[in-house]
Amino acid sequence: MKDGAVAEKTADEKQAIQALADKVMAQITELFAVRKIYPNAVQQQMLVSHVRAMALRSLTGEPLPEVEADLFEDISPDSMSLAQQVVDLFGNLPKEEAWLLSVHFEVAKEN
């Protein structure tokens, strides 16, 4: 970023981000199937968008804004564990990513 302008990603960067997101989404689909978790269309779209953003942060090193742990105290241990498994697939994201991702899993479990 220079002079407040947003840096445009190259086609290769976009492709790498999308490929990583697709790979992780395929693994999430498998995890959901085993646990009989079925997100509706809107939940799926939000999850895909979030995973794409996680892929971007994983590949670029862009940090998350500060996240408060106590906002996630009502998330079930199962959803938190599942989210951490997914975050671990990236190999380089902080635990706060699991907190945010766990919300998607918790909501989808209610279907």
PDB file of N, CA and C in Angstrom:
ATOM      1  N   MET A   1       0.849  -1.167   0.000  1.00  0.00           N
ATOM      2  CA  MET A   1       0.000   0.000   0.000  1.00  0.00           C
ATOM      3  C   MET A   1       0.897   1.232   0.000  1.00  0.00           C
ATOM      4  N   LYS A   2       0.592   2.171  -0.862  1.00  0.00           N
ATOM      5  CA  LYS A   2       1.389   3.384  -0.961  1.00  0.00           C
ATOM      6  C   LYS A   2       0.444   4.572  -1.040  1.00  0.00           C
ATOM      7  N   ASP A   3       0.709   5.591  -0.238  1.00  0.00           N
ATOM      8  CA  ASP A   3      -0.114   6.802  -0.231  1.00  0.00           C
ATOM      9  C   ASP A   3      -1.600   6.499  -0.019  1.00  0.00           C
ATOM     10  N   GLY A   4      -1.885   5.485   0.810  1.00  0.00           N
ATOM     11  CA  GLY A   4      -3.276   5.173   1.133  1.00  0.00           C
ATOM     12  C   GLY A   4      -3.996   4.376   0.066  1.00  0.00           C
ATOM     13  N   ALA A   5      -3.350   4.028  -1.020  1.00  0.00           N
ATOM     14  CA  ALA A   5      -3.992   3.250  -2.082  1.00  0.00           C
ATOM     15  C   ALA A   5      -3.923   1.770  -1.743  1.00  0.00           C
ATOM     16  N   VAL A   6      -4.940   1.031  -2.088  1.00  0.00           N
ATOM     17  CA  VAL A   6      -4.975  -0.401  -1.850  1.00  0.00           C
ATOM     18  C   VAL A   6      -4.205  -1.090  -2.970  1.00  0.00           C
ATOM     19  N   ALA A   7      -3.309  -1.972  -2.589  1.00  0.00           N
ATOM     20  CA  ALA A   7      -2.522  -2.699  -3.587  1.00  0.00           C
ATOM     21  C   ALA A   7      -3.417  -3.711  -4.289  1.00  0.00           C
ATOM     22  N   GLU A   8      -3.353  -3.736  -5.592  1.00  0.00           N
ATOM     23  CA  GLU A   8      -4.136  -4.667  -6.393  1.00  0.00           C
ATOM     24  C   GLU A   8      -3.396  -6.004  -6.438  1.00  0.00           C
ATOM     25  N   LYS A   9      -4.126  -7.088  -6.238  1.00  0.00           N
ATOM     26  CA  LYS A   9      -3.521  -8.401  -6.292  1.00  0.00           C
ATOM     27  C   LYS A   9      -3.350  -8.833  -7.748  1.00  0.00           C
ATOM     28  N   THR A  10      -2.269  -9.549  -7.993  1.00  0.00           N
ATOM     29  CA  THR A  10      -2.041 -10.069  -9.332  1.00  0.00           C
ATOM     30  C   THR A  10      -2.963 -11.267  -9.565  1.00  0.00           C
ATOM     31  N   ALA A  11      -3.094 -11.652 -10.808  1.00  0.00           N
ATOM     32  CA  ALA A  11      -3.909 -12.815 -11.151  1.00  0.00           C
ATOM     33  C   ALA A  11      -3.376 -14.062 -10.462  1.00  0.00           C
ATOM     34  N   ASP A  12      -2.047 -14.186 -10.375  1.00  0.00           N
ATOM     35  CA  ASP A  12      -1.442 -15.343  -9.711  1.00  0.00           C
ATOM     36  C   ASP A  12      -1.778 -15.362  -8.222  1.00  0.00           C
ATOM     37  N   GLU A  13      -1.742 -14.201  -7.575  1.00  0.00           N
ATOM     38  CA  GLU A  13      -2.088 -14.124  -6.150  1.00  0.00           C
ATOM     39  C   GLU A  13      -3.544 -14.494  -5.935  1.00  0.00           C
ATOM     40  N   LYS A  14      -4.421 -13.964  -6.763  1.00  0.00           N
ATOM     41  CA  LYS A  14      -5.845 -14.286  -6.652  1.00  0.00           C
ATOM     42  C   LYS A  14      -6.080 -15.774  -6.850  1.00  0.00           C
ATOM     43  N   GLN A  15      -5.373 -16.355  -7.811  1.00  0.00           N
ATOM     44  CA  GLN A  15      -5.528 -17.782  -8.099  1.00  0.00           C
ATOM     45  C   GLN A  15      -5.028 -18.614  -6.915  1.00  0.00           C
ATOM     46  N   ALA A  16      -3.917 -18.223  -6.320  1.00  0.00           N
ATOM     47  CA  ALA A  16      -3.369 -18.950  -5.170  1.00  0.00           C
ATOM     48  C   ALA A  16      -4.319 -18.871  -3.977  1.00  0.00           C
ATOM     49  N   ILE A  17      -4.893 -17.701  -3.742  1.00  0.00           N
ATOM     50  CA  ILE A  17      -5.843 -17.518  -2.647  1.00  0.00           C
ATOM     51  C   ILE A  17      -7.069 -18.400  -2.879  1.00  0.00           C
ATOM     52  N   GLN A  18      -7.598 -18.371  -4.093  1.00  0.00           N
ATOM     53  CA  GLN A  18      -8.789 -19.157  -4.403  1.00  0.00           C
ATOM     54  C   GLN A  18      -8.503 -20.657  -4.314  1.00  0.00           C
ATOM     55  N   ALA A  19      -7.333 -21.081  -4.777  1.00  0.00           N
ATOM     56  CA  ALA A  19      -6.982 -22.501  -4.715  1.00  0.00           C
ATOM     57  C   ALA A  19      -6.890 -22.984  -3.267  1.00  0.00           C
ATOM     58  N   LEU A  20      -6.272 -22.188  -2.418  1.00  0.00           N
ATOM     59  CA  LEU A  20      -6.173 -22.549  -1.002  1.00  0.00           C
ATOM     60  C   LEU A  20      -7.554 -22.573  -0.359  1.00  0.00           C
ATOM     61  N   ALA A  21      -8.368 -21.578  -0.642  1.00  0.00           N
ATOM     62  CA  ALA A  21      -9.730 -21.535  -0.094  1.00  0.00           C
ATOM     63  C   ALA A  21     -10.538 -22.741  -0.558  1.00  0.00           C
ATOM     64  N   ASP A  22     -10.434 -23.101  -1.833  1.00  0.00           N
ATOM     65  CA  ASP A  22     -11.161 -24.257  -2.363  1.00  0.00           C
ATOM     66  C   ASP A  22     -10.722 -25.544  -1.673  1.00  0.00           C
ATOM     67  N   LYS A  23      -9.417 -25.686  -1.466  1.00  0.00           N
ATOM     68  CA  LYS A  23      -8.886 -26.877  -0.800  1.00  0.00           C
ATOM     69  C   LYS A  23      -9.436 -26.998   0.624  1.00  0.00           C
ATOM     70  N   VAL A  24      -9.415 -25.901   1.348  1.00  0.00           N
ATOM     71  CA  VAL A  24      -9.898 -25.909   2.726  1.00  0.00           C
ATOM     72  C   VAL A  24     -11.409 -26.126   2.758  1.00  0.00           C
ATOM     73  N   MET A  25     -12.149 -25.511   1.835  1.00  0.00           N
ATOM     74  CA  MET A  25     -13.602 -25.711   1.795  1.00  0.00           C
ATOM     75  C   MET A  25     -13.943 -27.182   1.525  1.00  0.00           C
ATOM     76  N   ALA A  26     -13.172 -27.847   0.689  1.00  0.00           N
ATOM     77  CA  ALA A  26     -13.405 -29.270   0.424  1.00  0.00           C
ATOM     78  C   ALA A  26     -13.228 -30.077   1.715  1.00  0.00           C
ATOM     79  N   GLN A  27     -12.241 -29.706   2.506  1.00  0.00           N
ATOM     80  CA  GLN A  27     -12.013 -30.410   3.765  1.00  0.00           C
ATOM     81  C   GLN A  27     -13.105 -30.083   4.784  1.00  0.00           C
ATOM     82  N   ILE A  28     -13.580 -28.858   4.792  1.00  0.00           N
ATOM     83  CA  ILE A  28     -14.689 -28.488   5.680  1.00  0.00           C
ATOM     84  C   ILE A  28     -15.930 -29.275   5.297  1.00  0.00           C
ATOM     85  N   THR A  29     -16.185 -29.424   4.011  1.00  0.00           N
ATOM     86  CA  THR A  29     -17.340 -30.191   3.546  1.00  0.00           C
ATOM     87  C   THR A  29     -17.282 -31.624   4.067  1.00  0.00           C
ATOM     88  N   GLU A  30     -16.100 -32.212   4.039  1.00  0.00           N
ATOM     89  CA  GLU A  30     -15.926 -33.566   4.571  1.00  0.00           C
ATOM     90  C   GLU A  30     -16.162 -33.606   6.080  1.00  0.00           C
ATOM     91  N   LEU A  31     -15.613 -32.640   6.796  1.00  0.00           N
ATOM     92  CA  LEU A  31     -15.814 -32.575   8.249  1.00  0.00           C
ATOM     93  C   LEU A  31     -17.292 -32.405   8.591  1.00  0.00           C
ATOM     94  N   PHE A  32     -17.975 -31.564   7.828  1.00  0.00           N
ATOM     95  CA  PHE A  32     -19.411 -31.355   8.046  1.00  0.00           C
ATOM     96  C   PHE A  32     -20.192 -32.637   7.783  1.00  0.00           C
ATOM     97  N   ALA A  33     -19.864 -33.343   6.722  1.00  0.00           N
ATOM     98  CA  ALA A  33     -20.590 -34.570   6.374  1.00  0.00           C
ATOM     99  C   ALA A  33     -20.482 -35.599   7.493  1.00  0.00           C
ATOM    100  N   VAL A  34     -19.289 -35.766   8.038  1.00  0.00           N
ATOM    101  CA  VAL A  34     -19.074 -36.723   9.124  1.00  0.00           C
ATOM    102  C   VAL A  34     -19.912 -36.341  10.349  1.00  0.00           C
ATOM    103  N   ARG A  35     -20.038 -35.046  10.588  1.00  0.00           N
ATOM    104  CA  ARG A  35     -20.761 -34.565  11.775  1.00  0.00           C
ATOM    105  C   ARG A  35     -22.231 -34.237  11.495  1.00  0.00           C
ATOM    106  N   LYS A  36     -22.660 -34.490  10.273  1.00  0.00           N
ATOM    107  CA  LYS A  36     -24.044 -34.209   9.859  1.00  0.00           C
ATOM    108  C   LYS A  36     -24.425 -32.749  10.097  1.00  0.00           C
ATOM    109  N   ILE A  37     -23.519 -31.859   9.677  1.00  0.00           N
ATOM    110  CA  ILE A  37     -23.750 -30.418   9.752  1.00  0.00           C
ATOM    111  C   ILE A  37     -24.088 -29.956   8.342  1.00  0.00           C
ATOM    112  N   TYR A  38     -25.228 -29.293   8.207  1.00  0.00           N
ATOM    113  CA  TYR A  38     -25.703 -28.886   6.887  1.00  0.00           C
ATOM    114  C   TYR A  38     -26.025 -27.394   6.876  1.00  0.00           C
ATOM    115  N   PRO A  39     -25.064 -26.565   6.485  1.00  0.00           N
ATOM    116  CA  PRO A  39     -25.345 -25.125   6.429  1.00  0.00           C
ATOM    117  C   PRO A  39     -26.333 -24.822   5.309  1.00  0.00           C
ATOM    118  N   ASN A  40     -27.183 -23.825   5.550  1.00  0.00           N
ATOM    119  CA  ASN A  40     -28.090 -23.405   4.474  1.00  0.00           C
ATOM    120  C   ASN A  40     -27.296 -22.568   3.471  1.00  0.00           C
ATOM    121  N   ALA A  41     -27.947 -22.132   2.409  1.00  0.00           N
ATOM    122  CA  ALA A  41     -27.244 -21.432   1.322  1.00  0.00           C
ATOM    123  C   ALA A  41     -26.563 -20.153   1.797  1.00  0.00           C
ATOM    124  N   VAL A  42     -27.227 -19.396   2.632  1.00  0.00           N
ATOM    125  CA  VAL A  42     -26.642 -18.143   3.127  1.00  0.00           C
ATOM    126  C   VAL A  42     -25.459 -18.444   4.043  1.00  0.00           C
ATOM    127  N   GLN A  43     -25.609 -19.418   4.924  1.00  0.00           N
ATOM    128  CA  GLN A  43     -24.516 -19.790   5.814  1.00  0.00           C
ATOM    129  C   GLN A  43     -23.315 -20.299   5.019  1.00  0.00           C
ATOM    130  N   GLN A  44     -23.595 -21.071   3.971  1.00  0.00           N
ATOM    131  CA  GLN A  44     -22.519 -21.595   3.128  1.00  0.00           C
ATOM    132  C   GLN A  44     -21.778 -20.450   2.437  1.00  0.00           C
ATOM    133  N   GLN A  45     -22.527 -19.498   1.916  1.00  0.00           N
ATOM    134  CA  GLN A  45     -21.922 -18.358   1.232  1.00  0.00           C
ATOM    135  C   GLN A  45     -21.045 -17.550   2.195  1.00  0.00           C
ATOM    136  N   MET A  46     -21.530 -17.337   3.404  1.00  0.00           N
ATOM    137  CA  MET A  46     -20.754 -16.592   4.399  1.00  0.00           C
ATOM    138  C   MET A  46     -19.488 -17.364   4.795  1.00  0.00           C
ATOM    139  N   LEU A  47     -19.623 -18.682   4.930  1.00  0.00           N
ATOM    140  CA  LEU A  47     -18.474 -19.515   5.272  1.00  0.00           C
ATOM    141  C   LEU A  47     -17.426 -19.470   4.166  1.00  0.00           C
ATOM    142  N   VAL A  48     -17.857 -19.593   2.919  1.00  0.00           N
ATOM    143  CA  VAL A  48     -16.924 -19.538   1.790  1.00  0.00           C
ATOM    144  C   VAL A  48     -16.185 -18.202   1.775  1.00  0.00           C
ATOM    145  N   SER A  49     -16.906 -17.124   2.008  1.00  0.00           N
ATOM    146  CA  SER A  49     -16.296 -15.797   2.028  1.00  0.00           C
ATOM    147  C   SER A  49     -15.269 -15.694   3.156  1.00  0.00           C
ATOM    148  N   HIS A  50     -15.617 -16.226   4.315  1.00  0.00           N
ATOM    149  CA  HIS A  50     -14.696 -16.180   5.454  1.00  0.00           C
ATOM    150  C   HIS A  50     -13.443 -17.011   5.172  1.00  0.00           C
ATOM    151  N   VAL A  51     -13.627 -18.196   4.620  1.00  0.00           N
ATOM    152  CA  VAL A  51     -12.477 -19.058   4.331  1.00  0.00           C
ATOM    153  C   VAL A  51     -11.580 -18.407   3.277  1.00  0.00           C
ATOM    154  N   ARG A  52     -12.165 -17.730   2.307  1.00  0.00           N
ATOM    155  CA  ARG A  52     -11.365 -17.019   1.307  1.00  0.00           C
ATOM    156  C   ARG A  52     -10.531 -15.931   1.990  1.00  0.00           C
ATOM    157  N   ALA A  53     -11.137 -15.218   2.934  1.00  0.00           N
ATOM    158  CA  ALA A  53     -10.403 -14.181   3.671  1.00  0.00           C
ATOM    159  C   ALA A  53      -9.291 -14.800   4.517  1.00  0.00           C
ATOM    160  N   MET A  54      -9.548 -15.971   5.090  1.00  0.00           N
ATOM    161  CA  MET A  54      -8.507 -16.663   5.848  1.00  0.00           C
ATOM    162  C   MET A  54      -7.359 -17.070   4.933  1.00  0.00           C
ATOM    163  N   ALA A  55      -7.683 -17.539   3.736  1.00  0.00           N
ATOM    164  CA  ALA A  55      -6.648 -17.917   2.773  1.00  0.00           C
ATOM    165  C   ALA A  55      -5.804 -16.702   2.412  1.00  0.00           C
ATOM    166  N   LEU A  56      -6.459 -15.579   2.208  1.00  0.00           N
ATOM    167  CA  LEU A  56      -5.734 -14.343   1.909  1.00  0.00           C
ATOM    168  C   LEU A  56      -4.778 -14.004   3.049  1.00  0.00           C
ATOM    169  N   ARG A  57      -5.273 -14.051   4.280  1.00  0.00           N
ATOM    170  CA  ARG A  57      -4.414 -13.712   5.423  1.00  0.00           C
ATOM    171  C   ARG A  57      -3.273 -14.716   5.572  1.00  0.00           C
ATOM    172  N   SER A  58      -3.561 -15.979   5.289  1.00  0.00           N
ATOM    173  CA  SER A  58      -2.525 -17.005   5.378  1.00  0.00           C
ATOM    174  C   SER A  58      -1.408 -16.758   4.373  1.00  0.00           C
ATOM    175  N   LEU A  59      -1.771 -16.382   3.168  1.00  0.00           N
ATOM    176  CA  LEU A  59      -0.776 -16.207   2.105  1.00  0.00           C
ATOM    177  C   LEU A  59      -0.082 -14.845   2.127  1.00  0.00           C
ATOM    178  N   THR A  60      -0.764 -13.830   2.648  1.00  0.00           N
ATOM    179  CA  THR A  60      -0.176 -12.489   2.633  1.00  0.00           C
ATOM    180  C   THR A  60       0.392 -12.050   3.980  1.00  0.00           C
ATOM    181  N   GLY A  61      -0.003 -12.734   5.046  1.00  0.00           N
ATOM    182  CA  GLY A  61       0.445 -12.334   6.371  1.00  0.00           C
ATOM    183  C   GLY A  61      -0.345 -11.168   6.941  1.00  0.00           C
ATOM    184  N   GLU A  62      -1.398 -10.757   6.243  1.00  0.00           N
ATOM    185  CA  GLU A  62      -2.246  -9.671   6.730  1.00  0.00           C
ATOM    186  C   GLU A  62      -2.853 -10.079   8.075  1.00  0.00           C
ATOM    187  N   PRO A  63      -2.742  -9.228   9.095  1.00  0.00           N
ATOM    188  CA  PRO A  63      -3.259  -9.604  10.419  1.00  0.00           C
ATOM    189  C   PRO A  63      -4.760  -9.360  10.547  1.00  0.00           C
ATOM    190  N   LEU A  64      -5.345 -10.055  11.490  1.00  0.00           N
ATOM    191  CA  LEU A  64      -6.735  -9.797  11.875  1.00  0.00           C
ATOM    192  C   LEU A  64      -6.768  -8.568  12.770  1.00  0.00           C
ATOM    193  N   PRO A  65      -7.883  -7.859  12.777  1.00  0.00           N
ATOM    194  CA  PRO A  65      -8.031  -6.838  13.817  1.00  0.00           C
ATOM    195  C   PRO A  65      -8.099  -7.542  15.179  1.00  0.00           C
ATOM    196  N   GLU A  66      -7.894  -6.810  16.236  1.00  0.00           N
ATOM    197  CA  GLU A  66      -7.936  -7.405  17.565  1.00  0.00           C
ATOM    198  C   GLU A  66      -9.317  -7.989  17.847  1.00  0.00           C
ATOM    199  N   VAL A  67      -9.331  -9.182  18.436  1.00  0.00           N
ATOM    200  CA  VAL A  67     -10.566  -9.903  18.733  1.00  0.00           C
ATOM    201  C   VAL A  67     -10.581 -10.234  20.224  1.00  0.00           C
ATOM    202  N   GLU A  68     -11.723 -10.016  20.865  1.00  0.00           N
ATOM    203  CA  GLU A  68     -11.864 -10.299  22.296  1.00  0.00           C
ATOM    204  C   GLU A  68     -12.331 -11.735  22.514  1.00  0.00           C
ATOM    205  N   ALA A  69     -11.589 -12.506  23.267  1.00  0.00           N
ATOM    206  CA  ALA A  69     -11.902 -13.914  23.511  1.00  0.00           C
ATOM    207  C   ALA A  69     -13.254 -14.110  24.178  1.00  0.00           C
ATOM    208  N   ASP A  70     -13.624 -13.220  25.079  1.00  0.00           N
ATOM    209  CA  ASP A  70     -14.870 -13.411  25.823  1.00  0.00           C
ATOM    210  C   ASP A  70     -16.122 -13.313  24.952  1.00  0.00           C
ATOM    211  N   LEU A  71     -16.000 -12.793  23.746  1.00  0.00           N
ATOM    212  CA  LEU A  71     -17.135 -12.752  22.833  1.00  0.00           C
ATOM    213  C   LEU A  71     -17.540 -14.148  22.368  1.00  0.00           C
ATOM    214  N   PHE A  72     -16.658 -15.121  22.565  1.00  0.00           N
ATOM    215  CA  PHE A  72     -16.876 -16.463  22.041  1.00  0.00           C
ATOM    216  C   PHE A  72     -17.086 -17.500  23.140  1.00  0.00           C
ATOM    217  N   GLU A  73     -17.351 -17.046  24.359  1.00  0.00           N
ATOM    218  CA  GLU A  73     -17.468 -17.981  25.475  1.00  0.00           C
ATOM    219  C   GLU A  73     -18.707 -18.866  25.387  1.00  0.00           C
ATOM    220  N   ASP A  74     -19.707 -18.486  24.590  1.00  0.00           N
ATOM    221  CA  ASP A  74     -20.912 -19.304  24.443  1.00  0.00           C
ATOM    222  C   ASP A  74     -20.820 -20.312  23.301  1.00  0.00           C
ATOM    223  N   ILE A  75     -19.703 -20.330  22.599  1.00  0.00           N
ATOM    224  CA  ILE A  75     -19.503 -21.285  21.515  1.00  0.00           C
ATOM    225  C   ILE A  75     -19.185 -22.643  22.130  1.00  0.00           C
ATOM    226  N   SER A  76     -19.810 -23.687  21.601  1.00  0.00           N
ATOM    227  CA  SER A  76     -19.597 -25.030  22.147  1.00  0.00           C
ATOM    228  C   SER A  76     -18.158 -25.485  21.920  1.00  0.00           C
ATOM    229  N   PRO A  77     -17.660 -26.319  22.834  1.00  0.00           N
ATOM    230  CA  PRO A  77     -16.308 -26.867  22.650  1.00  0.00           C
ATOM    231  C   PRO A  77     -16.177 -27.632  21.326  1.00  0.00           C
ATOM    232  N   ASP A  78     -17.239 -28.301  20.893  1.00  0.00           N
ATOM    233  CA  ASP A  78     -17.208 -29.047  19.642  1.00  0.00           C
ATOM    234  C   ASP A  78     -16.988 -28.113  18.450  1.00  0.00           C
ATOM    235  N   SER A  79     -17.725 -27.010  18.405  1.00  0.00           N
ATOM    236  CA  SER A  79     -17.560 -26.048  17.309  1.00  0.00           C
ATOM    237  C   SER A  79     -16.184 -25.402  17.356  1.00  0.00           C
ATOM    238  N   MET A  80     -15.706 -25.100  18.541  1.00  0.00           N
ATOM    239  CA  MET A  80     -14.388 -24.483  18.684  1.00  0.00           C
ATOM    240  C   MET A  80     -13.296 -25.463  18.244  1.00  0.00           C
ATOM    241  N   SER A  81     -13.435 -26.722  18.616  1.00  0.00           N
ATOM    242  CA  SER A  81     -12.467 -27.739  18.227  1.00  0.00           C
ATOM    243  C   SER A  81     -12.456 -27.940  16.713  1.00  0.00           C
ATOM    244  N   LEU A  82     -13.627 -27.999  16.123  1.00  0.00           N
ATOM    245  CA  LEU A  82     -13.738 -28.148  14.677  1.00  0.00           C
ATOM    246  C   LEU A  82     -13.095 -26.952  13.964  1.00  0.00           C
ATOM    247  N   ALA A  83     -13.367 -25.765  14.458  1.00  0.00           N
ATOM    248  CA  ALA A  83     -12.781 -24.553  13.872  1.00  0.00           C
ATOM    249  C   ALA A  83     -11.259 -24.572  13.992  1.00  0.00           C
ATOM    250  N   GLN A  84     -10.748 -25.031  15.121  1.00  0.00           N
ATOM    251  CA  GLN A  84      -9.290 -25.089  15.296  1.00  0.00           C
ATOM    252  C   GLN A  84      -8.673 -26.091  14.334  1.00  0.00           C
ATOM    253  N   GLN A  85      -9.369 -27.208  14.085  1.00  0.00           N
ATOM    254  CA  GLN A  85      -8.873 -28.186  13.101  1.00  0.00           C
ATOM    255  C   GLN A  85      -8.722 -27.531  11.731  1.00  0.00           C
ATOM    256  N   VAL A  86      -9.703 -26.727  11.365  1.00  0.00           N
ATOM    257  CA  VAL A  86      -9.661 -26.055  10.065  1.00  0.00           C
ATOM    258  C   VAL A  86      -8.545 -25.015  10.041  1.00  0.00           C
ATOM    259  N   VAL A  87      -8.427 -24.230  11.073  1.00  0.00           N
ATOM    260  CA  VAL A  87      -7.358 -23.221  11.139  1.00  0.00           C
ATOM    261  C   VAL A  87      -5.995 -23.901  11.060  1.00  0.00           C
ATOM    262  N   ASP A  88      -5.867 -25.063  11.677  1.00  0.00           N
ATOM    263  CA  ASP A  88      -4.592 -25.790  11.641  1.00  0.00           C
ATOM    264  C   ASP A  88      -4.228 -26.231  10.220  1.00  0.00           C
ATOM    265  N   LEU A  89      -5.228 -26.386   9.354  1.00  0.00           N
ATOM    266  CA  LEU A  89      -4.946 -26.748   7.960  1.00  0.00           C
ATOM    267  C   LEU A  89      -4.091 -25.680   7.274  1.00  0.00           C
ATOM    268  N   PHE A  90      -4.282 -24.436   7.664  1.00  0.00           N
ATOM    269  CA  PHE A  90      -3.507 -23.344   7.064  1.00  0.00           C
ATOM    270  C   PHE A  90      -2.064 -23.347   7.562  1.00  0.00           C
ATOM    271  N   GLY A  91      -1.871 -23.707   8.816  1.00  0.00           N
ATOM    272  CA  GLY A  91      -0.521 -23.832   9.354  1.00  0.00           C
ATOM    273  C   GLY A  91       0.123 -22.562   9.863  1.00  0.00           C
ATOM    274  N   ASN A  92      -0.505 -21.408   9.626  1.00  0.00           N
ATOM    275  CA  ASN A  92       0.167 -20.170  10.036  1.00  0.00           C
ATOM    276  C   ASN A  92      -0.792 -19.083  10.508  1.00  0.00           C
ATOM    277  N   LEU A  93      -2.003 -19.473  10.907  1.00  0.00           N
ATOM    278  CA  LEU A  93      -2.974 -18.475  11.354  1.00  0.00           C
ATOM    279  C   LEU A  93      -3.109 -18.509  12.878  1.00  0.00           C
ATOM    280  N   PRO A  94      -3.407 -17.379  13.492  1.00  0.00           N
ATOM    281  CA  PRO A  94      -3.520 -17.321  14.953  1.00  0.00           C
ATOM    282  C   PRO A  94      -4.820 -17.950  15.454  1.00  0.00           C
ATOM    283  N   LYS A  95      -4.854 -18.254  16.747  1.00  0.00           N
ATOM    284  CA  LYS A  95      -6.023 -18.900  17.356  1.00  0.00           C
ATOM    285  C   LYS A  95      -7.288 -18.063  17.225  1.00  0.00           C
ATOM    286  N   GLU A  96      -7.141 -16.753  17.101  1.00  0.00           N
ATOM    287  CA  GLU A  96      -8.309 -15.879  16.946  1.00  0.00           C
ATOM    288  C   GLU A  96      -9.109 -16.225  15.685  1.00  0.00           C
ATOM    289  N   GLU A  97      -8.446 -16.759  14.685  1.00  0.00           N
ATOM    290  CA  GLU A  97      -9.148 -17.196  13.471  1.00  0.00           C
ATOM    291  C   GLU A  97     -10.145 -18.298  13.811  1.00  0.00           C
ATOM    292  N   ALA A  98      -9.759 -19.207  14.695  1.00  0.00           N
ATOM    293  CA  ALA A  98     -10.659 -20.295  15.104  1.00  0.00           C
ATOM    294  C   ALA A  98     -11.863 -19.736  15.853  1.00  0.00           C
ATOM    295  N   TRP A  99     -11.639 -18.724  16.666  1.00  0.00           N
ATOM    296  CA  TRP A  99     -12.764 -18.126  17.394  1.00  0.00           C
ATOM    297  C   TRP A  99     -13.807 -17.616  16.411  1.00  0.00           C
ATOM    298  N   LEU A 100     -13.348 -16.878  15.410  1.00  0.00           N
ATOM    299  CA  LEU A 100     -14.275 -16.310  14.424  1.00  0.00           C
ATOM    300  C   LEU A 100     -14.934 -17.395  13.591  1.00  0.00           C
ATOM    301  N   LEU A 101     -14.163 -18.372  13.160  1.00  0.00           N
ATOM    302  CA  LEU A 101     -14.692 -19.441  12.324  1.00  0.00           C
ATOM    303  C   LEU A 101     -15.698 -20.298  13.084  1.00  0.00           C
ATOM    304  N   SER A 102     -15.496 -20.468  14.370  1.00  0.00           N
ATOM    305  CA  SER A 102     -16.381 -21.317  15.180  1.00  0.00           C
ATOM    306  C   SER A 102     -17.828 -20.839  15.146  1.00  0.00           C
ATOM    307  N   VAL A 103     -18.033 -19.559  14.963  1.00  0.00           N
ATOM    308  CA  VAL A 103     -19.402 -19.017  14.904  1.00  0.00           C
ATOM    309  C   VAL A 103     -20.142 -19.618  13.713  1.00  0.00           C
ATOM    310  N   HIS A 104     -19.472 -19.747  12.576  1.00  0.00           N
ATOM    311  CA  HIS A 104     -20.106 -20.350  11.401  1.00  0.00           C
ATOM    312  C   HIS A 104     -20.534 -21.784  11.698  1.00  0.00           C
ATOM    313  N   PHE A 105     -19.691 -22.522  12.380  1.00  0.00           N
ATOM    314  CA  PHE A 105     -19.985 -23.921  12.681  1.00  0.00           C
ATOM    315  C   PHE A 105     -21.115 -24.030  13.693  1.00  0.00           C
ATOM    316  N   GLU A 106     -21.099 -23.180  14.679  1.00  0.00           N
ATOM    317  CA  GLU A 106     -22.136 -23.200  15.706  1.00  0.00           C
ATOM    318  C   GLU A 106     -23.509 -22.928  15.103  1.00  0.00           C
ATOM    319  N   VAL A 107     -23.582 -21.947  14.230  1.00  0.00           N
ATOM    320  CA  VAL A 107     -24.854 -21.592  13.593  1.00  0.00           C
ATOM    321  C   VAL A 107     -25.312 -22.715  12.658  1.00  0.00           C
ATOM    322  N   ALA A 108     -24.405 -23.282  11.888  1.00  0.00           N
ATOM    323  CA  ALA A 108     -24.765 -24.348  10.946  1.00  0.00           C
ATOM    324  C   ALA A 108     -25.235 -25.606  11.661  1.00  0.00           C
ATOM    325  N   LYS A 109     -24.725 -25.863  12.862  1.00  0.00           N
ATOM    326  CA  LYS A 109     -25.140 -27.047  13.630  1.00  0.00           C
ATOM    327  C   LYS A 109     -26.617 -26.957  14.007  1.00  0.00           C
ATOM    328  N   GLU A 110     -27.166 -25.771  14.051  1.00  0.00           N
ATOM    329  CA  GLU A 110     -28.557 -25.578  14.459  1.00  0.00           C
ATOM    330  C   GLU A 110     -29.558 -25.993  13.377  1.00  0.00           C
ATOM    331  N   ASN A 111     -29.084 -26.200  12.145  1.00  0.00           N
ATOM    332  CA  ASN A 111     -29.985 -26.569  11.043  1.00  0.00           C
ATOM    333  C   ASN A 111     -30.492 -27.993  11.204  1.00  0.00           C
TER     334      ASN A 111
END
